[in-house]
Amino acid sequence: MPSAHIIRRIRNSPEGLFDLVADVESYPEFINLISAFRVTKKLADAEFEADAIVAYKMISETFRSHVTADRKALKISVKKAEKGGALKSLLNSWTFYPLEDGSTLVDVKVDVRLKARPLEFLLRDKFEKASVHIVNVFQTRASQKLPEVGAAEYDVMPELKRLALNPDKLI
């Protein structure tokens, strides 16, 4: 199963970053592989199902996911919906940890398995790189849409330790 775990300090507020990631319907505006993303079913205040159409070269697949966006906990959890389209399994989480200088430590975890074995095989080799690219895209979008906070030079190591996060995942 392709998986990735990335931790990144981003110089925007946790609430702003949470809102940016939770706004799934805006993804086609800035993620070039996503041609459409729409909420298909509102399940609760902070819970919904959504379809993403991912297109790469001659391949186009629809992925249906179940999203829980817990603003109070500053955590977004994504799993495969009951009828997940091309997904066999999906676990994805974004956790936004507020840092003392107002910036955010973003902890992203992704585990995915596709129904199409050849596509999963192709994805496996590029998954870590693609995951880093997605985090970079969100960071760029945040710098365009949100006010910058915190100091450029900020030592996150004490806070990584306090939060019991693996410093090896810091990118």
C-alpha atoms as a PDB file:
ATOM      1  CA  MET A   1       0.000   0.000   0.000  1.00  0.00           C
ATOM      2  CA  PRO A   2       1.525   3.386  -0.959  1.00  0.00           C
ATOM      3  CA  SER A   3       1.867   5.631   2.071  1.00  0.00           C
ATOM      4  CA  ALA A   4       3.493   8.876   3.126  1.00  0.00           C
ATOM      5  CA  HIS A   5       3.942  10.858   6.332  1.00  0.00           C
ATOM      6  CA  ILE A   6       5.030  14.487   6.088  1.00  0.00           C
ATOM      7  CA  ILE A   7       5.430  17.165   8.739  1.00  0.00           C
ATOM      8  CA  ARG A   8       5.943  20.742   7.610  1.00  0.00           C
ATOM      9  CA  ARG A   9       6.010  24.098   9.364  1.00  0.00           C
ATOM     10  CA  ILE A  10       3.944  26.623   7.434  1.00  0.00           C
ATOM     11  CA  ARG A  11       3.907  30.316   8.263  1.00  0.00           C
ATOM     12  CA  ASN A  12       0.140  30.722   8.323  1.00  0.00           C
ATOM     13  CA  SER A  13      -2.399  30.308  11.110  1.00  0.00           C
ATOM     14  CA  PRO A  14      -3.711  26.811  11.896  1.00  0.00           C
ATOM     15  CA  GLU A  15      -7.314  27.992  11.413  1.00  0.00           C
ATOM     16  CA  GLY A  16      -6.549  29.514   8.012  1.00  0.00           C
ATOM     17  CA  LEU A  17      -4.763  26.366   6.847  1.00  0.00           C
ATOM     18  CA  PHE A  18      -7.575  24.174   8.167  1.00  0.00           C
ATOM     19  CA  ASP A  19     -10.131  26.216   6.188  1.00  0.00           C
ATOM     20  CA  LEU A  20      -7.979  26.042   3.045  1.00  0.00           C
ATOM     21  CA  VAL A  21      -7.668  22.235   3.189  1.00  0.00           C
ATOM     22  CA  ALA A  22     -11.337  21.755   4.186  1.00  0.00           C
ATOM     23  CA  ASP A  23     -12.512  23.738   1.122  1.00  0.00           C
ATOM     24  CA  VAL A  24     -12.315  20.712  -1.189  1.00  0.00           C
ATOM     25  CA  GLU A  25     -14.413  22.257  -3.952  1.00  0.00           C
ATOM     26  CA  SER A  26     -11.678  24.834  -4.629  1.00  0.00           C
ATOM     27  CA  TYR A  27      -8.997  22.164  -5.248  1.00  0.00           C
ATOM     28  CA  PRO A  28      -9.363  22.219  -9.078  1.00  0.00           C
ATOM     29  CA  GLU A  29      -8.318  25.902  -8.994  1.00  0.00           C
ATOM     30  CA  PHE A  30      -4.822  25.063  -7.764  1.00  0.00           C
ATOM     31  CA  ILE A  31      -4.172  21.299  -7.940  1.00  0.00           C
ATOM     32  CA  ASN A  32      -3.510  20.503 -11.572  1.00  0.00           C
ATOM     33  CA  LEU A  33      -4.314  16.769 -11.370  1.00  0.00           C
ATOM     34  CA  ILE A  34      -7.829  17.408 -10.032  1.00  0.00           C
ATOM     35  CA  SER A  35     -10.241  18.353 -12.802  1.00  0.00           C
ATOM     36  CA  ALA A  36     -13.317  18.444 -10.540  1.00  0.00           C
ATOM     37  CA  PHE A  37     -14.153  18.080  -6.854  1.00  0.00           C
ATOM     38  CA  ARG A  38     -17.663  18.313  -5.502  1.00  0.00           C
ATOM     39  CA  VAL A  39     -19.439  17.597  -2.261  1.00  0.00           C
ATOM     40  CA  THR A  40     -22.046  14.953  -3.060  1.00  0.00           C
ATOM     41  CA  LYS A  41     -23.638  14.410   0.345  1.00  0.00           C
ATOM     42  CA  LYS A  42     -23.680  16.523   3.515  1.00  0.00           C
ATOM     43  CA  LEU A  43     -23.775  14.076   6.436  1.00  0.00           C
ATOM     44  CA  ALA A  44     -23.407  16.463   9.386  1.00  0.00           C
ATOM     45  CA  ASP A  45     -22.060  19.916  10.151  1.00  0.00           C
ATOM     46  CA  ALA A  46     -18.437  18.829   9.749  1.00  0.00           C
ATOM     47  CA  GLU A  47     -18.898  15.642   7.755  1.00  0.00           C
ATOM     48  CA  PHE A  48     -19.538  15.044   4.061  1.00  0.00           C
ATOM     49  CA  GLU A  49     -18.893  12.792   1.076  1.00  0.00           C
ATOM     50  CA  ALA A  50     -17.151  14.173  -1.988  1.00  0.00           C
ATOM     51  CA  ASP A  51     -16.113  13.040  -5.455  1.00  0.00           C
ATOM     52  CA  ALA A  52     -12.735  13.964  -6.903  1.00  0.00           C
ATOM     53  CA  ILE A  53     -12.006  13.459 -10.571  1.00  0.00           C
ATOM     54  CA  VAL A  54      -8.281  12.958 -11.002  1.00  0.00           C
ATOM     55  CA  ALA A  55      -6.886  13.152 -14.528  1.00  0.00           C
ATOM     56  CA  TYR A  56      -3.330  12.346 -15.569  1.00  0.00           C
ATOM     57  CA  LYS A  57      -2.417  12.055 -19.245  1.00  0.00           C
ATOM     58  CA  MET A  58      -4.899   9.532 -20.697  1.00  0.00           C
ATOM     59  CA  ILE A  59      -6.138   8.291 -17.302  1.00  0.00           C
ATOM     60  CA  SER A  60      -9.147   9.737 -15.502  1.00  0.00           C
ATOM     61  CA  GLU A  61     -10.531   8.228 -12.299  1.00  0.00           C
ATOM     62  CA  THR A  62     -13.221   9.235  -9.820  1.00  0.00           C
ATOM     63  CA  PHE A  63     -12.496   8.843  -6.128  1.00  0.00           C
ATOM     64  CA  ARG A  64     -15.291   9.106  -3.560  1.00  0.00           C
ATOM     65  CA  SER A  65     -14.271   9.957  -0.034  1.00  0.00           C
ATOM     66  CA  HIS A  66     -15.823  10.516   3.375  1.00  0.00           C
ATOM     67  CA  VAL A  67     -14.438  13.672   4.987  1.00  0.00           C
ATOM     68  CA  THR A  68     -14.630  14.734   8.627  1.00  0.00           C
ATOM     69  CA  ALA A  69     -13.422  18.286   9.210  1.00  0.00           C
ATOM     70  CA  ASP A  70     -13.148  18.879  12.977  1.00  0.00           C
ATOM     71  CA  ARG A  71     -12.371  22.592  13.302  1.00  0.00           C
ATOM     72  CA  LYS A  72     -12.202  22.476  17.099  1.00  0.00           C
ATOM     73  CA  ALA A  73      -9.509  19.759  16.992  1.00  0.00           C
ATOM     74  CA  LEU A  74      -7.924  21.313  13.852  1.00  0.00           C
ATOM     75  CA  LYS A  75      -7.979  17.916  12.144  1.00  0.00           C
ATOM     76  CA  ILE A  76      -9.302  16.708   8.815  1.00  0.00           C
ATOM     77  CA  SER A  77      -9.758  12.961   8.332  1.00  0.00           C
ATOM     78  CA  VAL A  78     -10.491  11.365   4.989  1.00  0.00           C
ATOM     79  CA  LYS A  79     -11.421   7.771   4.311  1.00  0.00           C
ATOM     80  CA  LYS A  80     -12.899   5.849   1.418  1.00  0.00           C
ATOM     81  CA  ALA A  81     -16.640   6.295   1.137  1.00  0.00           C
ATOM     82  CA  GLU A  82     -18.854   3.223   1.004  1.00  0.00           C
ATOM     83  CA  LYS A  83     -18.775   3.384  -2.807  1.00  0.00           C
ATOM     84  CA  GLY A  84     -15.244   4.708  -3.190  1.00  0.00           C
ATOM     85  CA  GLY A  85     -14.921   4.582  -6.950  1.00  0.00           C
ATOM     86  CA  ALA A  86     -11.348   3.637  -7.901  1.00  0.00           C
ATOM     87  CA  LEU A  87     -10.299   3.347  -4.235  1.00  0.00           C
ATOM     88  CA  LYS A  88      -9.885   0.031  -2.482  1.00  0.00           C
ATOM     89  CA  SER A  89      -8.907   1.805   0.752  1.00  0.00           C
ATOM     90  CA  LEU A  90      -7.961   5.320   1.836  1.00  0.00           C
ATOM     91  CA  LEU A  91      -6.809   6.836   5.099  1.00  0.00           C
ATOM     92  CA  ASN A  92      -5.669  10.442   5.030  1.00  0.00           C
ATOM     93  CA  SER A  93      -5.315  12.935   7.848  1.00  0.00           C
ATOM     94  CA  TRP A  94      -4.251  16.551   8.164  1.00  0.00           C
ATOM     95  CA  THR A  95      -3.555  17.804  11.686  1.00  0.00           C
ATOM     96  CA  PHE A  96      -2.750  21.487  12.258  1.00  0.00           C
ATOM     97  CA  TYR A  97      -0.706  22.155  15.410  1.00  0.00           C
ATOM     98  CA  PRO A  98      -0.520  25.799  16.547  1.00  0.00           C
ATOM     99  CA  LEU A  99       3.048  26.892  17.281  1.00  0.00           C
ATOM    100  CA  GLU A 100       4.059  29.521  19.830  1.00  0.00           C
ATOM    101  CA  ASP A 101       4.890  32.095  17.115  1.00  0.00           C
ATOM    102  CA  GLY A 102       1.424  31.791  15.502  1.00  0.00           C
ATOM    103  CA  SER A 103       2.564  29.554  12.637  1.00  0.00           C
ATOM    104  CA  THR A 104       1.508  25.937  12.147  1.00  0.00           C
ATOM    105  CA  LEU A 105       3.035  22.503  12.201  1.00  0.00           C
ATOM    106  CA  VAL A 106       1.095  20.515   9.590  1.00  0.00           C
ATOM    107  CA  ASP A 107       1.146  16.730  10.006  1.00  0.00           C
ATOM    108  CA  VAL A 108      -0.068  14.881   6.891  1.00  0.00           C
ATOM    109  CA  LYS A 109      -0.505  11.102   6.673  1.00  0.00           C
ATOM    110  CA  VAL A 110      -1.724   9.221   3.607  1.00  0.00           C
ATOM    111  CA  ASP A 111      -2.290   5.506   3.011  1.00  0.00           C
ATOM    112  CA  VAL A 112      -4.044   4.508  -0.198  1.00  0.00           C
ATOM    113  CA  ARG A 113      -4.816   1.345  -2.120  1.00  0.00           C
ATOM    114  CA  LEU A 114      -6.358   1.438  -5.581  1.00  0.00           C
ATOM    115  CA  LYS A 115      -8.579  -1.171  -7.199  1.00  0.00           C
ATOM    116  CA  ALA A 116      -6.514  -1.075 -10.406  1.00  0.00           C
ATOM    117  CA  ARG A 117      -3.285  -2.922  -9.614  1.00  0.00           C
ATOM    118  CA  PRO A 118      -1.293  -1.474 -12.563  1.00  0.00           C
ATOM    119  CA  LEU A 119      -2.201   2.064 -11.499  1.00  0.00           C
ATOM    120  CA  GLU A 120      -1.250   1.319  -7.894  1.00  0.00           C
ATOM    121  CA  PHE A 121       2.067  -0.127  -9.054  1.00  0.00           C
ATOM    122  CA  LEU A 122       2.810   3.083 -11.000  1.00  0.00           C
ATOM    123  CA  LEU A 123       1.760   5.200  -8.037  1.00  0.00           C
ATOM    124  CA  ARG A 124       3.900   3.330  -5.498  1.00  0.00           C
ATOM    125  CA  ASP A 125       7.235   4.560  -6.887  1.00  0.00           C
ATOM    126  CA  LYS A 126       6.123   8.182  -7.068  1.00  0.00           C
ATOM    127  CA  PHE A 127       3.863   8.379  -4.022  1.00  0.00           C
ATOM    128  CA  GLU A 128       6.226  10.062  -1.542  1.00  0.00           C
ATOM    129  CA  LYS A 129       7.294  12.634  -4.136  1.00  0.00           C
ATOM    130  CA  ALA A 130       3.674  13.273  -5.143  1.00  0.00           C
ATOM    131  CA  SER A 131       2.661  13.702  -1.491  1.00  0.00           C
ATOM    132  CA  VAL A 132       5.415  16.266  -0.912  1.00  0.00           C
ATOM    133  CA  HIS A 133       4.286  18.036  -4.095  1.00  0.00           C
ATOM    134  CA  ILE A 134       0.700  18.248  -2.786  1.00  0.00           C
ATOM    135  CA  VAL A 135       1.878  19.732   0.525  1.00  0.00           C
ATOM    136  CA  ASN A 136       3.988  22.232  -1.479  1.00  0.00           C
ATOM    137  CA  VAL A 137       0.935  23.168  -3.562  1.00  0.00           C
ATOM    138  CA  PHE A 138      -1.121  23.816  -0.421  1.00  0.00           C
ATOM    139  CA  GLN A 139       1.708  25.865   1.081  1.00  0.00           C
ATOM    140  CA  THR A 140       1.903  27.977  -2.092  1.00  0.00           C
ATOM    141  CA  ARG A 141      -1.880  28.462  -2.083  1.00  0.00           C
ATOM    142  CA  ALA A 142      -1.743  29.473   1.590  1.00  0.00           C
ATOM    143  CA  SER A 143       0.959  32.069   0.853  1.00  0.00           C
ATOM    144  CA  GLN A 144      -1.337  33.552  -1.832  1.00  0.00           C
ATOM    145  CA  LYS A 145      -4.536  33.556   0.236  1.00  0.00           C
ATOM    146  CA  LEU A 146      -3.543  33.876   3.903  1.00  0.00           C
ATOM    147  CA  PRO A 147      -1.506  36.359   5.939  1.00  0.00           C
ATOM    148  CA  GLU A 148       1.985  35.215   6.841  1.00  0.00           C
ATOM    149  CA  VAL A 149       2.707  34.839  10.561  1.00  0.00           C
ATOM    150  CA  GLY A 150       5.678  33.845  12.689  1.00  0.00           C
ATOM    151  CA  ALA A 151       9.391  34.285  12.294  1.00  0.00           C
ATOM    152  CA  ALA A 152      11.249  32.997   9.225  1.00  0.00           C
ATOM    153  CA  GLU A 153      13.861  31.393  11.478  1.00  0.00           C
ATOM    154  CA  TYR A 154      11.994  29.407  14.089  1.00  0.00           C
ATOM    155  CA  ASP A 155      13.244  26.301  15.851  1.00  0.00           C
ATOM    156  CA  VAL A 156      10.413  23.761  15.703  1.00  0.00           C
ATOM    157  CA  MET A 157      12.399  20.948  17.331  1.00  0.00           C
ATOM    158  CA  PRO A 158      11.289  21.688  20.923  1.00  0.00           C
ATOM    159  CA  GLU A 159       7.656  21.736  19.768  1.00  0.00           C
ATOM    160  CA  LEU A 160       8.079  18.517  17.767  1.00  0.00           C
ATOM    161  CA  LYS A 161       9.364  16.925  20.951  1.00  0.00           C
ATOM    162  CA  ARG A 162       6.520  18.399  23.037  1.00  0.00           C
ATOM    163  CA  LEU A 163       3.964  17.034  20.540  1.00  0.00           C
ATOM    164  CA  ALA A 164       5.760  13.646  20.364  1.00  0.00           C
ATOM    165  CA  LEU A 165       6.095  13.937  16.573  1.00  0.00           C
ATOM    166  CA  ASN A 166       8.854  12.187  14.633  1.00  0.00           C
ATOM    167  CA  PRO A 167      11.468  14.783  13.563  1.00  0.00           C
ATOM    168  CA  ASP A 168      12.516  12.456  10.700  1.00  0.00           C
ATOM    169  CA  LYS A 169       9.202  13.285   8.975  1.00  0.00           C
ATOM    170  CA  LEU A 170       9.918  17.045   9.013  1.00  0.00           C
ATOM    171  CA  ILE A 171      10.393  18.274   5.458  1.00  0.00           C
END
